[in-house]
Amino acid sequence: MKIGLYFGSFNPIHTGHLIIASYVANHTDLQQVWFVVSPQNPLKPSSVLLNEYHRLYLVQLAVEDDQRLRAIDVEFKLPRPSYTIDTLTYLQEKYPAHQFSLIMGSDSFQNLPRWKNFALLIKNYPFIIYRRPAFPVNDTLGAKLVVLDAPLLEISATDIRDNIKEGRTIRYLVPDKVRDEIETNRYYK
């Protein structure tokens, strides 16, 4: 099976993430897109992160009605911080019949040289890149690339968390089930 891995904190997952995942599933030969919920991104502070199991559950709620999308907790079992190369090594051993690709924005792709063992990622895995404004894909770093013009929404998880703290609605920014869960449990207050 061809699987696209979409890594992120998803703090919280929002409509922009889901549109990208759906677009990638519709416009590539991938059979599924797996949301890899990262408990700790080595390039981001962890102080504002909601508990990883709560974030995973929010992603599960967001994708439960779409068979093409799945939430996975693989990085919860691995040493922290999470490094993509380690996660892929683990997944490749666990699912040897699957072919994995990495899904990321062109902004993240430009940062790839800062990633642990990025040369191995480039050598062993294809990339599906969605363009982000002001981050052109000029240097492919020798990677196998598919570059897409997915529809982008200017939604940020930081803005969503700020809206919650200030008592503003997050309706339409996140799926209704996710909003209900956040409000019921008073996440990000």
Foldseek 3Di string as FASTA:
>chain_A
DEEEEEEDQCLPPWPQVVLVLVVCCVPDPHQAYEYANFCDDPVDDNPQHDHSVLRQVLVCVQCVVPPRYYYDDQNVPPDPPDAPVVSVVVVCVVCVPYAYAYEEELVVVVVLVVGPPSVCCQVRHAYEYEYDPPRDCDDPVNHHYDYHPGDGDPDDSVVVLVCLVVVHDCPNGHPPVSSVSCVVVVPSD
